[in-house]
């Protein structure tokens, strides 16, 4: 299945892109997606536990099952004042 990706803040800067696409096996979870992305982009690994995920504009955990054409937003922690 294919899912659409949206990268925000420091993830967007590290990858030099704001959008992407990933092909995953059926029944894949958000955690599977993250592992696939870290394999393709090792510079993401260090952000591991701090990244939040939203699927179709709703926050989900890493056990959430993905479906064909889901939009997955990857959101690193943000700081500011």
PDB file of N, CA and C in Angstrom:
ATOM      1  N   UNK A   1       0.837  -1.170   0.000  1.00  0.00           N
ATOM      2  CA  UNK A   1       0.000   0.000   0.000  1.00  0.00           C
ATOM      3  C   UNK A   1       0.886   1.239   0.000  1.00  0.00           C
ATOM      4  N   UNK A   2       0.346   2.316  -0.515  1.00  0.00           N
ATOM      5  CA  UNK A   2       1.078   3.587  -0.526  1.00  0.00           C
ATOM      6  C   UNK A   2       0.427   4.543   0.462  1.00  0.00           C
ATOM      7  N   UNK A   3       1.287   5.271   1.183  1.00  0.00           N
ATOM      8  CA  UNK A   3       0.817   6.332   2.068  1.00  0.00           C
ATOM      9  C   UNK A   3       1.543   7.608   1.689  1.00  0.00           C
ATOM     10  N   UNK A   4       0.867   8.723   1.911  1.00  0.00           N
ATOM     11  CA  UNK A   4       1.447  10.035   1.641  1.00  0.00           C
ATOM     12  C   UNK A   4       2.059  10.566   2.928  1.00  0.00           C
ATOM     13  N   UNK A   5       3.191  11.223   2.820  1.00  0.00           N
ATOM     14  CA  UNK A   5       3.918  11.715   3.989  1.00  0.00           C
ATOM     15  C   UNK A   5       4.004  13.228   3.965  1.00  0.00           C
ATOM     16  N   UNK A   6       3.911  13.822   5.140  1.00  0.00           N
ATOM     17  CA  UNK A   6       4.119  15.258   5.307  1.00  0.00           C
ATOM     18  C   UNK A   6       5.133  15.437   6.427  1.00  0.00           C
ATOM     19  N   UNK A   7       6.209  16.134   6.145  1.00  0.00           N
ATOM     20  CA  UNK A   7       7.279  16.361   7.110  1.00  0.00           C
ATOM     21  C   UNK A   7       7.228  17.804   7.596  1.00  0.00           C
ATOM     22  N   UNK A   8       7.386  17.988   8.904  1.00  0.00           N
ATOM     23  CA  UNK A   8       7.311  19.323   9.482  1.00  0.00           C
ATOM     24  C   UNK A   8       8.580  19.676  10.236  1.00  0.00           C
ATOM     25  N   UNK A   9       8.811  20.975  10.362  1.00  0.00           N
ATOM     26  CA  UNK A   9       9.878  21.567  11.181  1.00  0.00           C
ATOM     27  C   UNK A   9      11.235  20.920  10.895  1.00  0.00           C
ATOM     28  N   UNK A  10      11.909  20.419  11.939  1.00  0.00           N
ATOM     29  CA  UNK A  10      13.274  19.896  11.768  1.00  0.00           C
ATOM     30  C   UNK A  10      13.323  18.664  10.866  1.00  0.00           C
ATOM     31  N   UNK A  11      12.232  17.897  10.811  1.00  0.00           N
ATOM     32  CA  UNK A  11      12.211  16.754   9.879  1.00  0.00           C
ATOM     33  C   UNK A  11      12.270  17.246   8.440  1.00  0.00           C
ATOM     34  N   UNK A  12      11.502  18.282   8.168  1.00  0.00           N
ATOM     35  CA  UNK A  12      11.510  18.859   6.813  1.00  0.00           C
ATOM     36  C   UNK A  12      12.900  19.380   6.469  1.00  0.00           C
ATOM     37  N   UNK A  13      13.551  20.021   7.433  1.00  0.00           N
ATOM     38  CA  UNK A  13      14.892  20.557   7.193  1.00  0.00           C
ATOM     39  C   UNK A  13      15.915  19.445   6.980  1.00  0.00           C
ATOM     40  N   UNK A  14      15.848  18.393   7.780  1.00  0.00           N
ATOM     41  CA  UNK A  14      16.808  17.288   7.640  1.00  0.00           C
ATOM     42  C   UNK A  14      16.656  16.572   6.302  1.00  0.00           C
ATOM     43  N   UNK A  15      15.417  16.400   5.863  1.00  0.00           N
ATOM     44  CA  UNK A  15      15.163  15.651   4.629  1.00  0.00           C
ATOM     45  C   UNK A  15      15.130  16.529   3.387  1.00  0.00           C
ATOM     46  N   UNK A  16      15.087  17.854   3.590  1.00  0.00           N
ATOM     47  CA  UNK A  16      15.032  18.817   2.493  1.00  0.00           C
ATOM     48  C   UNK A  16      13.832  18.584   1.583  1.00  0.00           C
ATOM     49  N   UNK A  17      12.726  18.239   2.243  1.00  0.00           N
ATOM     50  CA  UNK A  17      11.457  18.060   1.533  1.00  0.00           C
ATOM     51  C   UNK A  17      10.317  18.168   2.533  1.00  0.00           C
ATOM     52  N   UNK A  18       9.179  18.558   2.067  1.00  0.00           N
ATOM     53  CA  UNK A  18       8.030  18.679   2.959  1.00  0.00           C
ATOM     54  C   UNK A  18       7.016  17.558   2.750  1.00  0.00           C
ATOM     55  N   UNK A  19       7.145  16.836   1.639  1.00  0.00           N
ATOM     56  CA  UNK A  19       6.212  15.761   1.334  1.00  0.00           C
ATOM     57  C   UNK A  19       6.949  14.571   0.750  1.00  0.00           C
ATOM     58  N   UNK A  20       6.288  13.438   0.781  1.00  0.00           N
ATOM     59  CA  UNK A  20       6.855  12.235   0.193  1.00  0.00           C
ATOM     60  C   UNK A  20       5.801  11.158   0.100  1.00  0.00           C
ATOM     61  N   UNK A  21       6.257   9.989  -0.262  1.00  0.00           N
ATOM     62  CA  UNK A  21       5.384   8.836  -0.399  1.00  0.00           C
ATOM     63  C   UNK A  21       6.164   7.616   0.041  1.00  0.00           C
ATOM     64  N   UNK A  22       5.471   6.643   0.598  1.00  0.00           N
ATOM     65  CA  UNK A  22       6.137   5.417   1.033  1.00  0.00           C
ATOM     66  C   UNK A  22       5.244   4.233   0.698  1.00  0.00           C
ATOM     67  N   UNK A  23       5.848   3.171   0.215  1.00  0.00           N
ATOM     68  CA  UNK A  23       5.129   1.934  -0.054  1.00  0.00           C
ATOM     69  C   UNK A  23       5.429   0.958   1.074  1.00  0.00           C
ATOM     70  N   UNK A  24       4.379   0.421   1.667  1.00  0.00           N
ATOM     71  CA  UNK A  24       4.493  -0.486   2.805  1.00  0.00           C
ATOM     72  C   UNK A  24       3.651  -1.723   2.551  1.00  0.00           C
ATOM     73  N   UNK A  25       3.948  -2.817   3.260  1.00  0.00           N
ATOM     74  CA  UNK A  25       3.096  -4.000   3.138  1.00  0.00           C
ATOM     75  C   UNK A  25       1.719  -3.754   3.769  1.00  0.00           C
ATOM     76  N   UNK A  26       0.734  -4.510   3.346  1.00  0.00           N
ATOM     77  CA  UNK A  26      -0.596  -4.424   3.956  1.00  0.00           C
ATOM     78  C   UNK A  26      -0.465  -4.679   5.452  1.00  0.00           C
ATOM     79  N   UNK A  27      -1.343  -4.065   6.222  1.00  0.00           N
ATOM     80  CA  UNK A  27      -1.361  -4.223   7.688  1.00  0.00           C
ATOM     81  C   UNK A  27      -0.208  -3.507   8.393  1.00  0.00           C
ATOM     82  N   UNK A  28       0.529  -2.677   7.687  1.00  0.00           N
ATOM     83  CA  UNK A  28       1.643  -1.958   8.314  1.00  0.00           C
ATOM     84  C   UNK A  28       1.110  -0.943   9.322  1.00  0.00           C
ATOM     85  N   UNK A  29       1.914  -0.680  10.333  1.00  0.00           N
ATOM     86  CA  UNK A  29       1.571   0.294  11.363  1.00  0.00           C
ATOM     87  C   UNK A  29       2.416   1.559  11.187  1.00  0.00           C
ATOM     88  N   UNK A  30       2.078   2.565  11.963  1.00  0.00           N
ATOM     89  CA  UNK A  30       2.870   3.791  11.966  1.00  0.00           C
ATOM     90  C   UNK A  30       4.302   3.472  12.405  1.00  0.00           C
ATOM     91  N   UNK A  31       4.452   2.563  13.365  1.00  0.00           N
ATOM     92  CA  UNK A  31       5.785   2.150  13.797  1.00  0.00           C
ATOM     93  C   UNK A  31       6.575   1.502  12.669  1.00  0.00           C
ATOM     94  N   UNK A  32       5.910   0.691  11.862  1.00  0.00           N
ATOM     95  CA  UNK A  32       6.570   0.080  10.699  1.00  0.00           C
ATOM     96  C   UNK A  32       7.024   1.164   9.719  1.00  0.00           C
ATOM     97  N   UNK A  33       6.167   2.152   9.521  1.00  0.00           N
ATOM     98  CA  UNK A  33       6.526   3.271   8.648  1.00  0.00           C
ATOM     99  C   UNK A  33       7.770   3.979   9.176  1.00  0.00           C
ATOM    100  N   UNK A  34       7.793   4.283  10.476  1.00  0.00           N
ATOM    101  CA  UNK A  34       8.941   4.968  11.064  1.00  0.00           C
ATOM    102  C   UNK A  34      10.216   4.148  10.877  1.00  0.00           C
ATOM    103  N   UNK A  35      10.147   2.851  11.117  1.00  0.00           N
ATOM    104  CA  UNK A  35      11.320   1.982  10.940  1.00  0.00           C
ATOM    105  C   UNK A  35      11.802   1.992   9.490  1.00  0.00           C
ATOM    106  N   UNK A  36      10.872   1.979   8.552  1.00  0.00           N
ATOM    107  CA  UNK A  36      11.226   2.038   7.136  1.00  0.00           C
ATOM    108  C   UNK A  36      11.921   3.355   6.808  1.00  0.00           C
ATOM    109  N   UNK A  37      11.368   4.458   7.315  1.00  0.00           N
ATOM    110  CA  UNK A  37      11.969   5.767   7.046  1.00  0.00           C
ATOM    111  C   UNK A  37      13.354   5.883   7.669  1.00  0.00           C
ATOM    112  N   UNK A  38      13.536   5.349   8.875  1.00  0.00           N
ATOM    113  CA  UNK A  38      14.851   5.403   9.522  1.00  0.00           C
ATOM    114  C   UNK A  38      15.870   4.558   8.762  1.00  0.00           C
ATOM    115  N   UNK A  39      15.422   3.473   8.136  1.00  0.00           N
ATOM    116  CA  UNK A  39      16.312   2.679   7.308  1.00  0.00           C
ATOM    117  C   UNK A  39      16.743   3.429   6.062  1.00  0.00           C
ATOM    118  N   UNK A  40      15.831   4.200   5.510  1.00  0.00           N
ATOM    119  CA  UNK A  40      16.119   4.972   4.300  1.00  0.00           C
ATOM    120  C   UNK A  40      16.857   6.275   4.608  1.00  0.00           C
ATOM    121  N   UNK A  41      16.544   6.864   5.753  1.00  0.00           N
ATOM    122  CA  UNK A  41      17.131   8.145   6.159  1.00  0.00           C
ATOM    123  C   UNK A  41      17.683   8.014   7.582  1.00  0.00           C
ATOM    124  N   UNK A  42      18.885   7.470   7.745  1.00  0.00           N
ATOM    125  CA  UNK A  42      19.438   7.221   9.085  1.00  0.00           C
ATOM    126  C   UNK A  42      19.511   8.466   9.966  1.00  0.00           C
ATOM    127  N   UNK A  43      19.543   9.647   9.368  1.00  0.00           N
ATOM    128  CA  UNK A  43      19.616  10.872  10.155  1.00  0.00           C
ATOM    129  C   UNK A  43      18.343  11.097  10.990  1.00  0.00           C
ATOM    130  N   UNK A  44      17.287  10.349  10.721  1.00  0.00           N
ATOM    131  CA  UNK A  44      16.057  10.471  11.500  1.00  0.00           C
ATOM    132  C   UNK A  44      16.105   9.676  12.803  1.00  0.00           C
ATOM    133  N   UNK A  45      16.953   8.682  12.866  1.00  0.00           N
ATOM    134  CA  UNK A  45      16.976   7.749  13.990  1.00  0.00           C
ATOM    135  C   UNK A  45      17.094   8.444  15.332  1.00  0.00           C
ATOM    136  N   UNK A  46      17.923   9.460  15.422  1.00  0.00           N
ATOM    137  CA  UNK A  46      18.152  10.121  16.700  1.00  0.00           C
ATOM    138  C   UNK A  46      16.912  10.849  17.225  1.00  0.00           C
ATOM    139  N   UNK A  47      15.924  11.103  16.381  1.00  0.00           N
ATOM    140  CA  UNK A  47      14.694  11.762  16.811  1.00  0.00           C
ATOM    141  C   UNK A  47      13.655  10.774  17.334  1.00  0.00           C
ATOM    142  N   UNK A  48      13.919   9.493  17.127  1.00  0.00           N
ATOM    143  CA  UNK A  48      13.028   8.386  17.427  1.00  0.00           C
ATOM    144  C   UNK A  48      11.854   8.597  18.343  1.00  0.00           C
ATOM    145  N   UNK A  49      12.085   8.660  19.638  1.00  0.00           N
ATOM    146  CA  UNK A  49      10.997   8.672  20.612  1.00  0.00           C
ATOM    147  C   UNK A  49      10.244   9.989  20.665  1.00  0.00           C
ATOM    148  N   UNK A  50      10.798  11.035  20.102  1.00  0.00           N
ATOM    149  CA  UNK A  50      10.174  12.352  20.262  1.00  0.00           C
ATOM    150  C   UNK A  50       9.255  12.759  19.111  1.00  0.00           C
ATOM    151  N   UNK A  51       9.170  11.972  18.066  1.00  0.00           N
ATOM    152  CA  UNK A  51       8.332  12.320  16.915  1.00  0.00           C
ATOM    153  C   UNK A  51       6.884  11.913  17.194  1.00  0.00           C
ATOM    154  N   UNK A  52       5.960  12.814  16.857  1.00  0.00           N
ATOM    155  CA  UNK A  52       4.526  12.504  16.945  1.00  0.00           C
ATOM    156  C   UNK A  52       4.003  12.247  15.536  1.00  0.00           C
ATOM    157  N   UNK A  53       2.908  11.512  15.467  1.00  0.00           N
ATOM    158  CA  UNK A  53       2.334  11.137  14.179  1.00  0.00           C
ATOM    159  C   UNK A  53       0.852  11.488  14.146  1.00  0.00           C
ATOM    160  N   UNK A  54       0.409  11.980  13.008  1.00  0.00           N
ATOM    161  CA  UNK A  54      -1.012  12.204  12.779  1.00  0.00           C
ATOM    162  C   UNK A  54      -1.374  11.516  11.465  1.00  0.00           C
ATOM    163  N   UNK A  55      -2.440  10.749  11.489  1.00  0.00           N
ATOM    164  CA  UNK A  55      -2.931  10.086  10.285  1.00  0.00           C
ATOM    165  C   UNK A  55      -4.263  10.731   9.929  1.00  0.00           C
ATOM    166  N   UNK A  56      -4.321  11.268   8.725  1.00  0.00           N
ATOM    167  CA  UNK A  56      -5.527  11.953   8.259  1.00  0.00           C
ATOM    168  C   UNK A  56      -5.978  13.007   9.275  1.00  0.00           C
ATOM    169  N   UNK A  57      -4.996  13.752   9.780  1.00  0.00           N
ATOM    170  CA  UNK A  57      -5.184  14.896  10.673  1.00  0.00           C
ATOM    171  C   UNK A  57      -5.658  14.531  12.076  1.00  0.00           C
ATOM    172  N   UNK A  58      -5.433  13.280  12.512  1.00  0.00           N
ATOM    173  CA  UNK A  58      -5.735  12.875  13.884  1.00  0.00           C
ATOM    174  C   UNK A  58      -4.502  12.214  14.476  1.00  0.00           C
ATOM    175  N   UNK A  59      -4.104  12.667  15.670  1.00  0.00           N
ATOM    176  CA  UNK A  59      -2.934  12.085  16.319  1.00  0.00           C
ATOM    177  C   UNK A  59      -3.179  10.619  16.636  1.00  0.00           C
ATOM    178  N   UNK A  60      -2.145   9.804  16.385  1.00  0.00           N
ATOM    179  CA  UNK A  60      -2.232   8.355  16.613  1.00  0.00           C
ATOM    180  C   UNK A  60      -0.941   7.881  17.270  1.00  0.00           C
ATOM    181  N   UNK A  61      -0.969   6.660  17.804  1.00  0.00           N
ATOM    182  CA  UNK A  61       0.249   6.071  18.349  1.00  0.00           C
ATOM    183  C   UNK A  61       0.895   5.175  17.294  1.00  0.00           C
ATOM    184  N   UNK A  62       2.017   4.616  17.643  1.00  0.00           N
ATOM    185  CA  UNK A  62       2.785   3.828  16.669  1.00  0.00           C
ATOM    186  C   UNK A  62       2.147   2.488  16.321  1.00  0.00           C
ATOM    187  N   UNK A  63       1.160   2.052  17.080  1.00  0.00           N
ATOM    188  CA  UNK A  63       0.480   0.792  16.795  1.00  0.00           C
ATOM    189  C   UNK A  63      -0.683   0.968  15.819  1.00  0.00           C
ATOM    190  N   UNK A  64      -0.974   2.203  15.455  1.00  0.00           N
ATOM    191  CA  UNK A  64      -2.083   2.482  14.540  1.00  0.00           C
ATOM    192  C   UNK A  64      -1.823   1.826  13.184  1.00  0.00           C
ATOM    193  N   UNK A  65      -2.811   1.083  12.687  1.00  0.00           N
ATOM    194  CA  UNK A  65      -2.695   0.451  11.364  1.00  0.00           C
ATOM    195  C   UNK A  65      -2.997   1.463  10.264  1.00  0.00           C
ATOM    196  N   UNK A  66      -2.173   1.430   9.257  1.00  0.00           N
ATOM    197  CA  UNK A  66      -2.331   2.332   8.124  1.00  0.00           C
ATOM    198  C   UNK A  66      -3.179   1.701   7.030  1.00  0.00           C
ATOM    199  N   UNK A  67      -3.768   2.545   6.206  1.00  0.00           N
ATOM    200  CA  UNK A  67      -4.568   2.103   5.066  1.00  0.00           C
ATOM    201  C   UNK A  67      -4.076   2.808   3.810  1.00  0.00           C
ATOM    202  N   UNK A  68      -4.388   2.235   2.680  1.00  0.00           N
ATOM    203  CA  UNK A  68      -4.020   2.810   1.378  1.00  0.00           C
ATOM    204  C   UNK A  68      -4.405   4.285   1.324  1.00  0.00           C
ATOM    205  N   UNK A  69      -3.472   5.101   0.855  1.00  0.00           N
ATOM    206  CA  UNK A  69      -3.655   6.542   0.654  1.00  0.00           C
ATOM    207  C   UNK A  69      -3.816   7.364   1.924  1.00  0.00           C
ATOM    208  N   UNK A  70      -3.516   6.788   3.095  1.00  0.00           N
ATOM    209  CA  UNK A  70      -3.517   7.605   4.306  1.00  0.00           C
ATOM    210  C   UNK A  70      -2.489   8.716   4.159  1.00  0.00           C
ATOM    211  N   UNK A  71      -2.769   9.849   4.785  1.00  0.00           N
ATOM    212  CA  UNK A  71      -1.798  10.933   4.877  1.00  0.00           C
ATOM    213  C   UNK A  71      -1.215  10.890   6.284  1.00  0.00           C
ATOM    214  N   UNK A  72       0.096  10.737   6.359  1.00  0.00           N
ATOM    215  CA  UNK A  72       0.769  10.644   7.646  1.00  0.00           C
ATOM    216  C   UNK A  72       1.644  11.883   7.820  1.00  0.00           C
ATOM    217  N   UNK A  73       1.348  12.641   8.870  1.00  0.00           N
ATOM    218  CA  UNK A  73       2.169  13.805   9.215  1.00  0.00           C
ATOM    219  C   UNK A  73       3.149  13.381  10.295  1.00  0.00           C
ATOM    220  N   UNK A  74       4.419  13.714  10.097  1.00  0.00           N
ATOM    221  CA  UNK A  74       5.466  13.420  11.070  1.00  0.00           C
ATOM    222  C   UNK A  74       5.885  14.731  11.690  1.00  0.00           C
ATOM    223  N   UNK A  75       5.692  14.824  13.001  1.00  0.00           N
ATOM    224  CA  UNK A  75       5.837  16.102  13.693  1.00  0.00           C
ATOM    225  C   UNK A  75       6.845  15.969  14.815  1.00  0.00           C
ATOM    226  N   UNK A  76       7.988  16.634  14.678  1.00  0.00           N
ATOM    227  CA  UNK A  76       8.989  16.591  15.753  1.00  0.00           C
ATOM    228  C   UNK A  76       8.568  17.532  16.885  1.00  0.00           C
ATOM    229  N   UNK A  77       9.183  17.393  18.047  1.00  0.00           N
ATOM    230  CA  UNK A  77       8.855  18.338  19.115  1.00  0.00           C
ATOM    231  C   UNK A  77       9.259  19.745  18.680  1.00  0.00           C
ATOM    232  N   UNK A  78       8.495  20.709  19.111  1.00  0.00           N
ATOM    233  CA  UNK A  78       8.806  22.093  18.771  1.00  0.00           C
ATOM    234  C   UNK A  78       9.058  22.865  20.051  1.00  0.00           C
ATOM    235  N   UNK A  79       9.905  23.832  19.945  1.00  0.00           N
ATOM    236  CA  UNK A  79      10.150  24.706  21.090  1.00  0.00           C
ATOM    237  C   UNK A  79       9.922  26.132  20.644  1.00  0.00           C
ATOM    238  N   UNK A  80       9.732  26.954  21.558  1.00  0.00           N
ATOM    239  CA  UNK A  80       9.519  28.338  21.204  1.00  0.00           C
ATOM    240  C   UNK A  80       9.076  29.110  22.423  1.00  0.00           C
ATOM    241  N   UNK A  81       8.836  30.332  22.207  1.00  0.00           N
ATOM    242  CA  UNK A  81       8.431  31.143  23.347  1.00  0.00           C
ATOM    243  C   UNK A  81       7.545  32.268  22.930  1.00  0.00           C
TER     244      UNK A  81
END
